Amino acid sequence: MPLEMNRNVFITCAVTGSGGTQDRSPHVPRTPEQIANSAIDAAKAGAAVVHCHVRDPDTGAASRRTDLYREVVDRIRDSDTDAVVNLTAGMGGDLITGDVESPLPLDEAGTDMVGATERMAHVAECLPEICTLDCGTMNFAEADYIMANTPGMLRAMGKMMTDLGVRPEIEVFETGHLWFAKQLVEEGIIEDPVMVQMCMGIPWGAPDDLNTFMAMVNNTPDNWTFSAFSIGRNEMPYTAAAVLAGGNVRVGLEDNLWLERGQLATNAQLVEKAATIVSNMGATLMTPAEVREKMQLSKRAPITPAG
């Protein structure tokens, strides 16, 4: 497949993530105010889309609390800076087994497995333009941790997203996830235009070598829109690789803490660096309004709770 560079690129900033990075950099935001402010700063720096998790404000640990999401989204929407809001829906699928000789019972302290409705509660409450759908199960680097997303769970969550009018962003960690995403479209559970986020270099998913990356690209239908990222030191090289392959860009503290060797980054700095790379390649950065038009996104205020 010949390279077909993308000339109109949008940048997504993955603001904070759910990993244990909260004590590794003072720039990783914890509170809803910090997360929202970091997202707003990233948007000012050139990110059209802000991808948000929430954390416990006291400990920095990953959280699913709807009130925290609501505060983040309201703060972003109430600001003078426009951004497409993208919320994770990946939480609530964490399965940690016992040791290798006694995998059951599960590790209750780390396991967080809940139903589809609970996993989608913050999305139904906040009505972001986009939310993520991790399109498969995967082993992560931790010895006994499984990101569990069964076909039944994904069908249920995908239908909820479609019914809510929230565009799924399909998170793919290997080619089988793309295969299942195509099945969801065939079954009418999710609709075109499909958004795909290619998650490269995360143990033990797809490695971030360019042959594997192009296999992912070549397995993506031509009428779908994709972004790609890698983690750590390959975050910025993947900015160029994604654009050259016809895609869009994701950067942010969820994926990488460093601006350069010895210098911890802010989200805005990572976006600025990516924007410079994109612009120097001769591409134009898309605005939030342009992304909404391209991807048929609905920008709405949150539903006011009853009572």
Protein backbone atom coordinates (compact mmCIF):
# COMPACT_ATOMS: atom_id res chain seq x y z
CA MET A 1 0.00 0.00 0.00
CA PRO A 2 1.53 3.34 -1.01
CA LEU A 3 1.82 6.03 1.61
CA GLU A 4 -0.91 8.63 1.38
CA MET A 5 -0.06 11.43 3.78
CA ASN A 6 -2.89 13.08 5.68
CA ARG A 7 -2.95 16.80 4.90
CA ASN A 8 -5.66 17.72 7.43
CA VAL A 9 -4.74 16.36 10.84
CA PHE A 10 -6.36 16.51 14.24
CA ILE A 11 -4.45 16.06 17.46
CA THR A 12 -5.90 14.23 20.45
CA CYS A 13 -4.40 14.91 23.87
CA ALA A 14 -4.69 11.99 26.31
CA VAL A 15 -4.65 14.11 29.43
CA THR A 16 -4.02 11.83 32.41
CA GLY A 17 -4.85 8.15 31.83
CA SER A 18 -5.35 5.56 34.55
CA GLY A 19 -1.82 4.21 34.98
CA GLY A 20 0.36 4.59 38.04
CA THR A 21 2.09 7.76 36.80
CA GLN A 22 0.62 10.13 39.39
CA ASP A 23 3.78 10.15 41.53
CA ARG A 24 6.27 10.13 38.65
CA SER A 25 5.64 13.68 37.45
CA PRO A 26 4.18 16.78 39.12
CA HIS A 27 2.46 17.60 35.82
CA VAL A 28 0.12 14.56 35.86
CA PRO A 29 -3.25 16.08 36.83
CA ARG A 30 -5.29 14.48 39.62
CA THR A 31 -8.22 16.67 40.62
CA PRO A 32 -11.09 17.49 38.25
CA GLU A 33 -9.93 21.11 38.17
CA GLN A 34 -6.36 20.09 37.30
CA ILE A 35 -7.52 17.64 34.63
CA ALA A 36 -9.87 20.19 33.05
CA ASN A 37 -7.26 22.96 33.14
CA SER A 38 -4.66 20.67 31.58
CA ALA A 39 -7.15 19.71 28.86
CA ILE A 40 -7.94 23.37 28.19
CA ASP A 41 -4.24 24.23 27.97
CA ALA A 42 -3.76 21.34 25.52
CA ALA A 43 -6.61 22.64 23.38
CA LYS A 44 -5.07 26.11 23.35
CA ALA A 45 -1.82 24.49 22.18
CA GLY A 46 -3.52 22.85 19.20
CA ALA A 47 -5.35 19.72 20.36
CA ALA A 48 -8.81 19.48 18.80
CA VAL A 49 -9.78 16.50 20.98
CA VAL A 50 -9.14 15.94 24.70
CA HIS A 51 -9.31 12.37 25.97
CA CYS A 52 -10.04 12.26 29.70
CA HIS A 53 -9.92 9.77 32.54
CA VAL A 54 -10.48 10.82 36.16
CA ARG A 55 -8.46 10.07 39.28
CA ASP A 56 -9.13 10.05 42.99
CA PRO A 57 -8.25 13.62 43.97
CA ASP A 58 -6.46 12.51 47.14
CA THR A 59 -4.50 9.47 45.99
CA GLY A 60 -4.26 9.96 42.23
CA ALA A 61 -5.50 6.40 41.69
CA ALA A 62 -7.79 5.70 38.73
CA SER A 63 -11.49 6.25 39.41
CA ARG A 64 -14.89 5.69 37.80
CA ARG A 65 -16.76 8.29 39.87
CA THR A 66 -19.43 9.99 37.79
CA ASP A 67 -19.30 13.20 39.82
CA LEU A 68 -15.60 13.61 38.98
CA TYR A 69 -16.30 13.17 35.27
CA ARG A 70 -19.16 15.61 35.46
CA GLU A 71 -16.94 18.27 37.02
CA VAL A 72 -14.21 17.77 34.42
CA VAL A 73 -16.64 17.99 31.50
CA ASP A 74 -18.50 20.99 32.92
CA ARG A 75 -15.26 22.88 33.49
CA ILE A 76 -14.12 22.24 29.91
CA ARG A 77 -17.48 23.20 28.45
CA ASP A 78 -17.75 26.32 30.60
CA SER A 79 -14.34 27.58 29.49
CA ASP A 80 -13.74 29.96 26.60
CA THR A 81 -11.69 27.30 24.80
CA ASP A 82 -13.43 24.86 22.46
CA ALA A 83 -12.45 21.18 22.50
CA VAL A 84 -14.06 17.92 21.44
CA VAL A 85 -14.59 15.93 24.64
CA ASN A 86 -13.60 12.26 24.55
CA LEU A 87 -14.17 10.21 27.72
CA THR A 88 -12.78 6.78 28.42
CA ALA A 89 -15.23 3.93 28.83
CA GLY A 90 -12.48 1.44 29.50
CA MET A 91 -12.72 1.38 33.28
CA GLY A 92 -14.58 -1.45 34.99
CA GLY A 93 -12.98 -4.24 32.98
CA ASP A 94 -9.94 -4.94 35.15
CA LEU A 95 -9.45 -8.57 36.09
CA ILE A 96 -6.57 -9.64 38.34
CA THR A 97 -6.17 -13.32 39.02
CA GLY A 98 -4.58 -14.99 42.01
CA ASP A 99 -1.11 -16.51 41.67
CA VAL A 100 -0.19 -19.00 38.96
CA GLU A 101 -1.00 -22.03 41.14
CA SER A 102 -4.26 -20.60 42.50
CA PRO A 103 -5.74 -18.22 39.92
CA LEU A 104 -9.08 -18.33 41.73
CA PRO A 105 -10.38 -16.59 43.71
CA LEU A 106 -9.60 -13.34 41.95
CA ASP A 107 -7.58 -10.61 43.63
CA GLU A 108 -10.44 -8.59 45.11
CA ALA A 109 -8.29 -5.56 45.90
CA GLY A 110 -7.32 -5.00 42.27
CA THR A 111 -10.17 -6.52 40.28
CA ASP A 112 -12.78 -4.01 39.08
CA MET A 113 -15.37 -5.82 36.97
CA VAL A 114 -18.78 -4.18 36.60
CA GLY A 115 -21.69 -4.37 34.19
CA ALA A 116 -22.11 -2.47 30.94
CA THR A 117 -24.57 0.06 32.35
CA GLU A 118 -22.26 0.94 35.23
CA ARG A 119 -19.28 1.21 32.89
CA MET A 120 -21.28 3.64 30.77
CA ALA A 121 -22.86 5.67 33.61
CA HIS A 122 -20.56 8.68 33.26
CA VAL A 123 -21.03 8.71 29.48
CA ALA A 124 -24.82 8.76 29.85
CA GLU A 125 -24.49 11.53 32.44
CA CYS A 126 -22.03 13.77 30.60
CA LEU A 127 -22.85 13.03 26.92
CA PRO A 128 -19.39 13.67 25.47
CA GLU A 129 -18.99 13.83 21.71
CA ILE A 130 -16.79 10.69 21.81
CA CYS A 131 -16.11 7.84 24.20
CA THR A 132 -13.71 4.94 23.83
CA LEU A 133 -14.54 1.30 23.20
CA ASP A 134 -11.54 -0.99 23.88
CA CYS A 135 -12.40 -3.57 21.25
CA GLY A 136 -11.03 -6.74 22.82
CA THR A 137 -9.39 -8.48 25.76
CA MET A 138 -5.65 -8.19 26.32
CA ASN A 139 -2.83 -9.19 28.66
CA PHE A 140 -0.94 -6.17 29.99
CA ALA A 141 2.63 -6.14 31.30
CA GLU A 142 1.56 -6.85 34.87
CA ALA A 143 1.87 -10.56 35.66
CA ASP A 144 -1.76 -11.34 36.49
CA TYR A 145 -3.72 -8.40 35.02
CA ILE A 146 -6.16 -8.86 32.15
CA MET A 147 -8.06 -6.05 30.41
CA ALA A 148 -11.32 -7.96 29.97
CA ASN A 149 -13.74 -6.94 27.21
CA THR A 150 -15.87 -9.85 26.03
CA PRO A 151 -17.79 -9.76 22.73
CA GLY A 152 -21.06 -9.62 24.68
CA MET A 153 -19.87 -6.69 26.79
CA LEU A 154 -18.64 -4.80 23.73
CA ARG A 155 -21.88 -5.34 21.86
CA ALA A 156 -23.85 -4.03 24.84
CA MET A 157 -21.64 -0.99 25.37
CA GLY A 158 -21.44 -0.23 21.65
CA LYS A 159 -25.24 -0.22 21.39
CA MET A 160 -25.48 2.10 24.40
CA MET A 161 -23.06 4.53 22.75
CA THR A 162 -25.04 4.49 19.52
CA ASP A 163 -28.34 4.97 21.34
CA LEU A 164 -26.89 7.91 23.28
CA GLY A 165 -25.60 9.57 20.11
CA VAL A 166 -22.00 9.37 21.37
CA ARG A 167 -19.44 8.40 18.74
CA PRO A 168 -17.33 5.39 19.77
CA GLU A 169 -13.60 5.67 19.31
CA ILE A 170 -12.50 2.08 18.74
CA GLU A 171 -9.30 1.42 20.71
CA VAL A 172 -7.34 -1.34 18.97
CA PHE A 173 -4.30 -2.99 20.50
CA GLU A 174 -3.92 -5.67 17.80
CA THR A 175 -5.46 -6.65 14.47
CA GLY A 176 -8.10 -8.93 16.01
CA HIS A 177 -9.63 -5.87 17.64
CA LEU A 178 -10.04 -4.31 14.19
CA TRP A 179 -11.65 -7.52 12.98
CA PHE A 180 -14.24 -7.37 15.75
CA ALA A 181 -14.87 -3.66 15.12
CA LYS A 182 -15.79 -4.51 11.53
CA GLN A 183 -18.18 -7.12 12.90
CA LEU A 184 -19.86 -4.50 15.11
CA VAL A 185 -20.44 -2.34 12.03
CA GLU A 186 -21.78 -5.31 10.06
CA GLU A 187 -24.24 -6.06 12.87
CA GLY A 188 -25.39 -2.43 12.95
CA ILE A 189 -24.23 -1.91 16.53
CA ILE A 190 -21.90 0.96 15.69
CA GLU A 191 -22.24 3.29 12.73
CA ASP A 192 -20.06 4.96 10.15
CA PRO A 193 -18.05 7.15 10.26
CA VAL A 194 -15.92 4.88 12.47
CA MET A 195 -13.08 6.34 14.52
CA VAL A 196 -10.13 4.11 15.36
CA GLN A 197 -7.28 4.74 17.81
CA MET A 198 -4.29 2.46 17.14
CA CYS A 199 -2.52 1.83 20.43
CA MET A 200 1.04 0.77 19.60
CA GLY A 201 3.91 -0.43 21.74
CA ILE A 202 1.88 -1.35 24.83
CA PRO A 203 2.96 -4.71 26.31
CA TRP A 204 1.52 -7.17 25.30
CA GLY A 205 -0.42 -5.78 22.38
CA ALA A 206 0.84 -4.70 18.97
CA PRO A 207 4.55 -3.77 18.99
CA ASP A 208 5.28 -0.34 17.57
CA ASP A 209 7.57 -1.37 14.70
CA LEU A 210 6.46 0.10 11.39
CA ASN A 211 5.68 -3.25 9.77
CA THR A 212 3.13 -4.02 12.48
CA PHE A 213 1.77 -0.48 12.31
CA MET A 214 1.23 -0.67 8.56
CA ALA A 215 -0.48 -4.05 8.99
CA MET A 216 -2.92 -2.28 11.31
CA VAL A 217 -3.38 0.55 8.80
CA ASN A 218 -3.91 -1.88 5.92
CA ASN A 219 -6.60 -3.71 7.92
CA THR A 220 -8.54 -0.48 8.46
CA PRO A 221 -11.31 0.25 5.92
CA ASP A 222 -10.54 3.22 3.68
CA ASN A 223 -13.63 5.13 4.79
CA TRP A 224 -12.72 4.94 8.49
CA THR A 225 -10.72 7.65 10.28
CA PHE A 226 -7.77 6.58 12.39
CA SER A 227 -5.28 8.03 14.82
CA ALA A 228 -2.21 6.33 16.18
CA PHE A 229 0.21 6.70 19.04
CA SER A 230 3.07 4.94 20.74
CA ILE A 231 4.26 5.32 24.30
CA GLY A 232 7.42 6.65 25.90
CA ARG A 233 10.26 7.79 23.67
CA ASN A 234 8.43 6.75 20.49
CA GLU A 235 5.52 9.11 21.10
CA MET A 236 6.86 11.88 18.85
CA PRO A 237 8.20 9.61 16.07
CA TYR A 238 4.69 8.20 15.85
CA THR A 239 3.35 11.70 15.26
CA ALA A 240 5.19 11.69 11.93
CA ALA A 241 4.45 8.02 11.20
CA ALA A 242 0.71 8.45 11.74
CA VAL A 243 0.49 11.45 9.44
CA LEU A 244 2.57 9.76 6.72
CA ALA A 245 0.29 6.71 6.87
CA GLY A 246 -2.81 8.86 6.38
CA GLY A 247 -3.87 9.16 10.00
CA ASN A 248 -4.17 11.55 12.89
CA VAL A 249 -2.14 12.06 16.05
CA ARG A 250 -2.41 11.39 19.76
CA VAL A 251 0.00 12.63 22.42
CA GLY A 252 -0.30 13.35 26.13
CA LEU A 253 0.76 12.41 29.63
CA GLU A 254 -1.27 9.20 29.52
CA ASP A 255 1.30 7.87 27.06
CA ASN A 256 4.56 9.67 27.84
CA LEU A 257 5.85 11.93 30.63
CA TRP A 258 8.91 13.40 28.92
CA LEU A 259 9.41 16.32 26.55
CA GLU A 260 13.03 15.32 26.03
CA ARG A 261 15.69 13.52 28.02
CA GLY A 262 15.70 14.90 31.58
CA GLN A 263 12.76 17.28 31.06
CA LEU A 264 9.29 16.35 32.27
CA ALA A 265 6.51 17.59 30.00
CA THR A 266 3.13 19.20 30.40
CA ASN A 267 0.29 18.20 28.14
CA ALA A 268 0.43 21.56 26.38
CA GLN A 269 4.14 21.14 25.66
CA LEU A 270 3.58 17.70 24.15
CA VAL A 271 0.78 19.06 21.97
CA GLU A 272 2.92 22.02 20.88
CA LYS A 273 5.76 19.70 19.90
CA ALA A 274 3.42 17.42 17.95
CA ALA A 275 1.78 20.41 16.27
CA THR A 276 5.18 21.66 15.15
CA ILE A 277 6.00 18.26 13.63
CA VAL A 278 2.64 18.12 11.82
CA SER A 279 2.96 21.68 10.52
CA ASN A 280 6.55 21.17 9.38
CA MET A 281 5.36 18.18 7.35
CA GLY A 282 3.07 20.52 5.44
CA ALA A 283 -0.20 19.42 7.03
CA THR A 284 -2.91 21.66 8.48
CA LEU A 285 -4.23 21.25 12.02
CA MET A 286 -7.98 20.73 12.22
CA THR A 287 -10.10 22.73 14.63
CA PRO A 288 -12.67 21.16 16.99
CA ALA A 289 -15.46 22.43 14.72
CA GLU A 290 -13.86 20.76 11.70
CA VAL A 291 -13.51 17.47 13.58
CA ARG A 292 -17.18 17.59 14.61
CA GLU A 293 -18.22 18.15 10.99
CA LYS A 294 -15.97 15.40 9.64
CA MET A 295 -16.97 12.81 12.25
CA GLN A 296 -20.64 13.88 12.57
CA LEU A 297 -20.26 14.57 16.30
CA SER A 298 -22.96 16.06 18.52
CA LYS A 299 -21.84 18.76 20.95
CA ARG A 300 -24.38 18.85 23.77
CA ALA A 301 -24.68 20.18 27.28
CA PRO A 302 -24.92 17.56 30.03
CA ILE A 303 -28.36 16.31 31.04
CA THR A 304 -29.51 18.07 34.19
CA PRO A 305 -30.07 15.41 36.89
CA ALA A 306 -33.68 14.93 37.95
CA GLY A 307 -34.68 16.43 41.25
